[in-house]
Amino acid sequence: MTDSTKSGTSGVSGVSSSSTASRPLDDYKFTFESVLDDSSHIEADVTYYFPNDPTEAERMDEQYEILKIIMDGRLHLAPFTRDKYPRKVLDIATGTGLWAIEMGDEYPDASIVGTDLSPIQPPFVPPNVRFFVEDSTEDWDYPPSEFDFIHTRVTIGCWADMKQEILARAFHHLKPGGWLECQEVPGMPHCDDGTMPPDYDWLKWTLELYNSSRLANRQVDVGEQLKDWMREVGFVDVHEAVFKIPLNGWPKDTRLKHVGMLWQRNLLDGLQGFSLGFFSKHLGKTQEEIEVSLVDVRRSLFNRKIHAYHKLYVVYGRKPDNTAAAVPEAEGGGDANDK
């Protein structure tokens, strides 16, 4: 987000009248008043329903670190190494840019591009990393077969149709032999031991989020469909790894308990932001009504008797070397590695 500023007359001190005459813009009055006049109508951007402020940026950074712990410090599961690295990488919906920055450090000879709706990335980054403001739901401004590796991470709620908007476009813009990897956490909680009842408030909140997201034409349930979608748009050698993320510190295992406590804090920090956009616009709730309804939702996350968890799906596939027989762009084999 940027601050709109009204500027006064622009001029340069110490310029002679003759030079000023040859530079007619020196005395031009630049202003944004025609845009910001009270009589003008500014249409809100409803393509992104979540917050976009420093607090949310900090939460996203913490979320990044949690997922990094879950993946044992690995930035990706696609088969790249420092000896066999991707030369051109695209990070879709890069957010604060941490993944792209760490990829730049990991592969210093690679060229890393991160795109997002907002320029919220840090100003000082590795020399091989660049960020651009871009709406990835629109046509991508890159040549076909441009990248060796394309990546997404936790982009739920960003797309109306991830298969067509992201996977099919990624297939088109990857070089033959290039890889796409999606790391996504759908909102639905899971439970293996029957301790999560149907009236669990976090579950009820999730179902309400799913309902409002359908009204908003935004997908928040992307995860288990990814491997099939990738195959359908033409990818081969599609692999899926599923990692469990406890909703709080209920596990006995020390590492998982720590991860669960971190994830609980991250969910609590983001809960209001996850709710306000969808619930106010598509369920007709006021901010006060939303806040009251979230009291029990927050309380439910402290209940360690309920052994609920989220799933992190890491799905990656390769564009075949011979794409002549592949599914066309207009339409994105397979080992399962459960953890």
Protein backbone atom coordinates (compact mmCIF):
# COMPACT_ATOMS: atom_id res chain seq x y z
CA MET A 1 0.00 0.00 0.00
CA THR A 2 1.22 3.48 -0.76
CA ASP A 3 0.48 6.84 0.80
CA SER A 4 -1.14 9.33 -1.54
CA THR A 5 0.48 12.76 -1.32
CA LYS A 6 -0.59 16.13 -2.60
CA SER A 7 2.44 17.99 -3.88
CA GLY A 8 2.82 21.68 -4.44
CA THR A 9 4.75 23.56 -7.14
CA SER A 10 7.84 21.73 -8.25
CA GLY A 11 10.90 23.92 -8.83
CA VAL A 12 14.72 23.84 -8.70
CA SER A 13 16.56 26.59 -6.85
CA GLY A 14 19.53 28.28 -8.49
CA VAL A 15 18.34 27.71 -12.07
CA SER A 16 18.67 30.65 -14.42
CA SER A 17 15.66 32.00 -16.26
CA SER A 18 17.08 30.82 -19.57
CA SER A 19 17.48 27.25 -18.30
CA THR A 20 14.03 27.36 -16.77
CA ALA A 21 12.55 28.36 -20.06
CA SER A 22 14.10 25.32 -21.69
CA ARG A 23 12.67 23.08 -18.97
CA PRO A 24 8.91 23.83 -18.92
CA LEU A 25 8.08 21.14 -16.35
CA ASP A 26 10.08 22.84 -13.59
CA ASP A 27 7.13 25.08 -12.72
CA TYR A 28 4.44 22.51 -13.35
CA LYS A 29 2.13 21.80 -10.42
CA PHE A 30 1.84 18.05 -9.91
CA THR A 31 -1.22 17.03 -7.97
CA PHE A 32 -3.36 14.00 -7.22
CA GLU A 33 -6.38 16.13 -6.28
CA SER A 34 -8.31 15.11 -9.39
CA VAL A 35 -8.17 11.51 -8.16
CA LEU A 36 -8.73 12.13 -4.48
CA ASP A 37 -11.41 14.78 -4.78
CA ASP A 38 -14.42 13.96 -2.57
CA SER A 39 -16.64 13.85 -5.64
CA SER A 40 -14.54 11.10 -7.17
CA HIS A 41 -15.44 7.47 -6.57
CA ILE A 42 -12.60 5.13 -5.63
CA GLU A 43 -13.50 1.52 -6.23
CA ALA A 44 -12.14 -0.91 -3.65
CA ASP A 45 -9.93 -3.81 -4.74
CA VAL A 46 -11.84 -6.95 -3.75
CA THR A 47 -9.47 -9.43 -5.36
CA TYR A 48 -7.57 -9.94 -2.09
CA TYR A 49 -9.57 -10.42 1.10
CA PHE A 50 -6.80 -10.56 3.70
CA PRO A 51 -4.91 -7.74 5.47
CA ASN A 52 -1.95 -6.06 3.84
CA ASP A 53 -0.21 -4.18 6.63
CA PRO A 54 2.95 -4.47 8.78
CA THR A 55 1.21 -6.67 11.36
CA GLU A 56 0.17 -9.16 8.69
CA ALA A 57 3.63 -9.02 7.13
CA GLU A 58 5.14 -9.98 10.48
CA ARG A 59 2.65 -12.85 10.81
CA MET A 60 3.53 -14.09 7.32
CA ASP A 61 7.23 -14.04 8.21
CA GLU A 62 6.53 -16.15 11.30
CA GLN A 63 4.38 -18.51 9.21
CA TYR A 64 7.29 -18.88 6.79
CA GLU A 65 9.64 -19.88 9.60
CA ILE A 66 7.15 -22.43 10.96
CA LEU A 67 6.79 -24.13 7.59
CA LYS A 68 10.55 -24.11 7.23
CA ILE A 69 10.81 -26.03 10.52
CA ILE A 70 8.19 -28.52 9.31
CA MET A 71 10.15 -29.09 6.10
CA ASP A 72 13.41 -29.59 8.01
CA GLY A 73 14.87 -26.37 6.64
CA ARG A 74 14.29 -27.30 3.00
CA LEU A 75 13.06 -24.55 0.70
CA HIS A 76 11.63 -27.05 -1.76
CA LEU A 77 11.29 -30.76 -2.48
CA ALA A 78 11.73 -30.48 -6.25
CA PRO A 79 15.01 -32.17 -7.21
CA PHE A 80 17.39 -29.22 -7.37
CA THR A 81 20.81 -29.02 -5.72
CA ARG A 82 23.62 -26.49 -5.62
CA ASP A 83 25.33 -28.46 -8.39
CA LYS A 84 22.12 -28.81 -10.41
CA TYR A 85 20.30 -25.59 -9.65
CA PRO A 86 17.41 -23.83 -11.41
CA ARG A 87 18.74 -20.95 -13.47
CA LYS A 88 15.49 -18.97 -13.58
CA VAL A 89 12.96 -19.11 -10.73
CA LEU A 90 9.52 -17.48 -10.37
CA ASP A 91 7.85 -17.14 -6.95
CA ILE A 92 4.14 -16.41 -7.37
CA ALA A 93 2.44 -14.34 -4.62
CA THR A 94 5.80 -13.91 -2.91
CA GLY A 95 4.40 -11.91 0.03
CA THR A 96 7.27 -10.50 2.08
CA GLY A 97 9.70 -12.28 -0.22
CA LEU A 98 11.53 -14.45 2.32
CA TRP A 99 11.39 -17.60 0.19
CA ALA A 100 12.72 -15.78 -2.88
CA ILE A 101 15.49 -14.14 -0.82
CA GLU A 102 16.61 -17.42 0.71
CA MET A 103 16.50 -19.07 -2.73
CA GLY A 104 18.79 -16.28 -3.94
CA ASP A 105 21.22 -17.05 -1.12
CA GLU A 106 20.98 -20.82 -1.70
CA TYR A 107 21.55 -20.54 -5.45
CA PRO A 108 23.68 -17.41 -6.02
CA ASP A 109 24.06 -18.07 -9.77
CA ALA A 110 20.28 -18.37 -10.28
CA SER A 111 17.97 -15.50 -11.21
CA ILE A 112 15.01 -15.25 -8.81
CA VAL A 113 11.85 -13.26 -9.57
CA GLY A 114 9.14 -12.72 -6.95
CA THR A 115 5.75 -11.22 -7.82
CA ASP A 116 2.95 -9.92 -5.61
CA LEU A 117 0.06 -7.47 -5.61
CA SER A 118 1.96 -5.19 -3.20
CA PRO A 119 5.59 -4.03 -2.91
CA ILE A 120 6.01 -5.13 0.72
CA GLN A 121 9.37 -6.86 0.23
CA PRO A 122 12.55 -5.53 1.89
CA PRO A 123 14.68 -3.03 -0.08
CA PHE A 124 17.98 -4.85 0.44
CA VAL A 125 18.04 -8.30 -1.17
CA PRO A 126 20.63 -10.53 -2.83
CA PRO A 127 21.76 -9.16 -6.20
CA ASN A 128 20.17 -12.08 -8.05
CA VAL A 129 16.68 -11.45 -6.58
CA ARG A 130 14.13 -9.04 -8.06
CA PHE A 131 10.54 -8.26 -7.08
CA PHE A 132 7.72 -6.97 -9.26
CA VAL A 133 4.16 -5.86 -8.59
CA GLU A 134 1.95 -8.19 -10.61
CA ASP A 135 -1.53 -9.67 -10.49
CA SER A 136 -0.95 -13.33 -11.31
CA THR A 137 -4.64 -13.89 -12.07
CA GLU A 138 -4.00 -11.93 -15.27
CA ASP A 139 -1.78 -12.93 -18.20
CA TRP A 140 1.87 -13.26 -17.17
CA ASP A 141 4.29 -10.87 -18.81
CA TYR A 142 6.94 -13.52 -19.53
CA PRO A 143 7.84 -15.49 -22.66
CA PRO A 144 6.80 -19.14 -22.95
CA SER A 145 9.31 -21.67 -21.62
CA GLU A 146 11.09 -18.99 -19.55
CA PHE A 147 11.60 -20.60 -16.11
CA ASP A 148 13.23 -23.70 -14.67
CA PHE A 149 11.25 -23.57 -11.42
CA ILE A 150 7.95 -21.93 -10.41
CA HIS A 151 6.77 -21.91 -6.80
CA THR A 152 3.72 -21.03 -4.69
CA ARG A 153 3.34 -21.13 -0.91
CA VAL A 154 0.18 -20.61 1.18
CA THR A 155 -1.81 -18.82 -1.51
CA ILE A 156 -5.27 -19.99 -0.39
CA GLY A 157 -7.87 -17.29 -0.89
CA CYS A 158 -5.90 -15.70 -3.73
CA TRP A 159 -7.40 -17.53 -6.70
CA ALA A 160 -10.80 -18.17 -8.22
CA ASP A 161 -9.42 -21.14 -10.17
CA MET A 162 -5.87 -22.11 -9.20
CA LYS A 163 -5.75 -24.90 -11.76
CA GLN A 164 -6.25 -22.54 -14.71
CA GLU A 165 -4.89 -19.27 -13.30
CA ILE A 166 -1.66 -20.71 -11.88
CA LEU A 167 -0.97 -24.34 -12.79
CA ALA A 168 -1.83 -24.09 -16.50
CA ARG A 169 0.07 -20.80 -16.85
CA ALA A 170 3.04 -22.26 -14.99
CA PHE A 171 3.09 -25.19 -17.41
CA HIS A 172 3.15 -22.74 -20.33
CA HIS A 173 5.97 -20.61 -18.91
CA LEU A 174 8.21 -23.43 -17.69
CA LYS A 175 11.00 -24.75 -19.85
CA PRO A 176 10.71 -28.41 -20.87
CA GLY A 177 12.05 -30.34 -17.89
CA GLY A 178 11.22 -27.49 -15.50
CA TRP A 179 9.38 -28.00 -12.21
CA LEU A 180 6.35 -26.47 -10.49
CA GLU A 181 6.04 -26.82 -6.71
CA CYS A 182 3.00 -25.76 -4.67
CA GLN A 183 3.17 -25.65 -0.87
CA GLU A 184 -0.37 -25.07 0.35
CA VAL A 185 -2.23 -25.34 3.68
CA PRO A 186 -6.02 -25.65 3.21
CA GLY A 187 -8.09 -24.33 6.08
CA MET A 188 -9.93 -27.51 7.12
CA PRO A 189 -8.76 -29.07 10.43
CA HIS A 190 -8.30 -32.84 10.66
CA CYS A 191 -8.27 -35.30 13.55
CA ASP A 192 -7.21 -38.97 13.67
CA ASP A 193 -8.47 -40.08 17.08
CA GLY A 194 -12.07 -38.82 17.21
CA THR A 195 -11.40 -36.04 19.72
CA MET A 196 -12.68 -33.26 17.42
CA PRO A 197 -16.48 -32.94 17.83
CA PRO A 198 -18.76 -31.44 15.14
CA ASP A 199 -19.37 -28.38 17.34
CA TYR A 200 -15.65 -27.60 17.73
CA ASP A 201 -15.57 -23.83 17.29
CA TRP A 202 -12.49 -23.77 15.08
CA LEU A 203 -14.17 -26.31 12.78
CA LYS A 204 -17.38 -24.26 12.73
CA TRP A 205 -15.39 -21.13 11.90
CA THR A 206 -13.61 -22.97 9.06
CA LEU A 207 -16.91 -24.10 7.55
CA GLU A 208 -18.14 -20.50 7.70
CA LEU A 209 -14.92 -19.36 6.00
CA TYR A 210 -15.43 -21.96 3.27
CA ASN A 211 -19.00 -20.80 2.74
CA SER A 212 -18.05 -17.13 2.47
CA SER A 213 -15.10 -17.91 0.18
CA ARG A 214 -17.40 -19.72 -2.24
CA LEU A 215 -19.59 -16.62 -2.33
CA ALA A 216 -16.46 -14.57 -2.98
CA ASN A 217 -15.31 -16.99 -5.70
CA ARG A 218 -12.04 -17.60 -3.88
CA GLN A 219 -10.55 -21.03 -3.14
CA VAL A 220 -9.46 -21.69 0.46
CA ASP A 221 -9.57 -25.49 0.23
CA VAL A 222 -6.68 -26.10 -2.19
CA GLY A 223 -4.48 -29.04 -1.19
CA GLU A 224 -5.40 -32.61 -2.01
CA GLN A 225 -6.59 -31.64 -5.53
CA LEU A 226 -3.16 -30.33 -6.55
CA LYS A 227 -1.62 -33.61 -7.72
CA ASP A 228 -4.58 -34.36 -9.99
CA TRP A 229 -4.71 -30.80 -11.30
CA MET A 230 -1.01 -30.91 -12.16
CA ARG A 231 -1.43 -34.10 -14.13
CA GLU A 232 -4.49 -32.72 -15.91
CA VAL A 233 -2.62 -29.66 -17.21
CA GLY A 234 0.25 -31.82 -18.45
CA PHE A 235 2.80 -32.31 -15.67
CA VAL A 236 4.51 -35.68 -15.19
CA ASP A 237 6.51 -37.17 -12.28
CA VAL A 238 4.03 -35.57 -9.89
CA HIS A 239 4.90 -36.15 -6.23
CA GLU A 240 2.96 -35.30 -3.08
CA ALA A 241 4.25 -34.96 0.48
CA VAL A 242 1.80 -34.25 3.32
CA PHE A 243 2.96 -32.82 6.65
CA LYS A 244 0.79 -32.49 9.76
CA ILE A 245 0.72 -29.18 11.66
CA PRO A 246 -0.87 -29.42 15.14
CA LEU A 247 -3.25 -26.56 15.96
CA ASN A 248 -1.70 -26.17 19.42
CA GLY A 249 0.72 -27.92 21.77
CA TRP A 250 -1.29 -31.16 22.19
CA PRO A 251 1.30 -33.64 20.79
CA LYS A 252 3.61 -35.53 23.18
CA ASP A 253 6.50 -35.30 20.74
CA THR A 254 8.63 -32.31 21.78
CA ARG A 255 9.26 -31.05 18.25
CA LEU A 256 5.62 -31.32 17.20
CA LYS A 257 4.52 -29.69 20.47
CA HIS A 258 6.80 -26.74 19.73
CA VAL A 259 5.52 -26.49 16.14
CA GLY A 260 1.92 -26.66 17.39
CA MET A 261 2.44 -23.84 19.86
CA LEU A 262 4.00 -21.67 17.16
CA TRP A 263 1.17 -22.47 14.75
CA GLN A 264 -1.45 -21.71 17.42
CA ARG A 265 0.05 -18.25 17.99
CA ASN A 266 0.19 -17.62 14.26
CA LEU A 267 -3.48 -18.60 13.79
CA LEU A 268 -4.53 -16.40 16.70
CA ASP A 269 -2.59 -13.46 15.25
CA GLY A 270 -4.24 -13.90 11.87
CA LEU A 271 -7.77 -14.87 12.87
CA GLN A 272 -9.31 -11.41 12.73
CA GLY A 273 -7.73 -10.67 9.37
CA PHE A 274 -8.78 -14.03 7.95
CA SER A 275 -12.38 -13.28 8.93
CA LEU A 276 -13.15 -9.60 8.36
CA GLY A 277 -12.98 -9.39 4.58
CA PHE A 278 -14.95 -12.54 3.79
CA PHE A 279 -17.49 -12.34 6.61
CA SER A 280 -18.33 -8.65 6.29
CA LYS A 281 -18.69 -8.53 2.52
CA HIS A 282 -20.30 -11.92 1.84
CA LEU A 283 -22.05 -12.86 5.09
CA GLY A 284 -23.30 -9.36 5.89
CA LYS A 285 -21.74 -9.24 9.36
CA THR A 286 -20.56 -6.08 11.08
CA GLN A 287 -17.08 -5.87 12.55
CA GLU A 288 -18.57 -5.99 16.05
CA GLU A 289 -20.54 -9.15 15.24
CA ILE A 290 -17.45 -10.76 13.81
CA GLU A 291 -15.34 -9.89 16.85
CA VAL A 292 -17.94 -11.32 19.24
CA SER A 293 -18.17 -14.54 17.23
CA LEU A 294 -14.38 -14.97 17.31
CA VAL A 295 -14.19 -15.12 21.13
CA ASP A 296 -15.17 -18.80 21.24
CA VAL A 297 -13.07 -19.55 18.17
CA ARG A 298 -9.97 -18.20 19.88
CA ARG A 299 -10.81 -20.08 23.06
CA SER A 300 -11.12 -23.35 21.13
CA LEU A 301 -7.51 -23.14 20.01
CA PHE A 302 -6.40 -23.53 23.64
CA ASN A 303 -8.22 -26.85 24.09
CA ARG A 304 -5.50 -29.52 24.07
CA LYS A 305 -8.00 -32.31 24.53
CA ILE A 306 -8.91 -31.88 20.87
CA HIS A 307 -6.11 -33.33 18.74
CA ALA A 308 -6.68 -31.34 15.57
CA TYR A 309 -4.16 -30.47 12.90
CA HIS A 310 -3.79 -28.80 9.52
CA LYS A 311 -2.18 -30.42 6.51
CA LEU A 312 0.68 -28.90 4.54
CA TYR A 313 0.57 -30.26 0.99
CA VAL A 314 3.82 -30.05 -0.94
CA VAL A 315 3.12 -31.11 -4.51
CA TYR A 316 5.66 -30.87 -7.31
CA GLY A 317 5.68 -31.97 -10.93
CA ARG A 318 7.81 -31.73 -14.05
CA LYS A 319 6.97 -30.35 -17.47
CA PRO A 320 7.86 -33.15 -19.88
CA ASP A 321 10.89 -32.72 -22.10
CA ASN A 322 8.71 -33.40 -25.14
CA THR A 323 5.64 -31.20 -24.73
CA ALA A 324 4.21 -31.89 -28.18
CA ALA A 325 1.98 -34.61 -26.75
CA ALA A 326 1.22 -32.77 -23.52
CA VAL A 327 -2.14 -31.26 -22.62
CA PRO A 328 -2.47 -27.76 -24.16
CA GLU A 329 -2.06 -24.65 -22.01
CA ALA A 330 -5.78 -23.95 -21.93
CA GLU A 331 -6.32 -27.01 -19.79
CA GLY A 332 -1.87 -27.80 -15.01
CA GLY A 333 3.35 -39.69 -12.00
CA GLY A 334 3.10 -40.00 -8.46
CA ASP A 335 4.60 -41.00 -5.14
CA ALA A 336 2.94 -40.19 -1.82
CA ASN A 337 5.20 -39.34 1.09
CA ASP A 338 3.08 -38.86 4.19
CA LYS A 339 4.61 -37.46 7.30
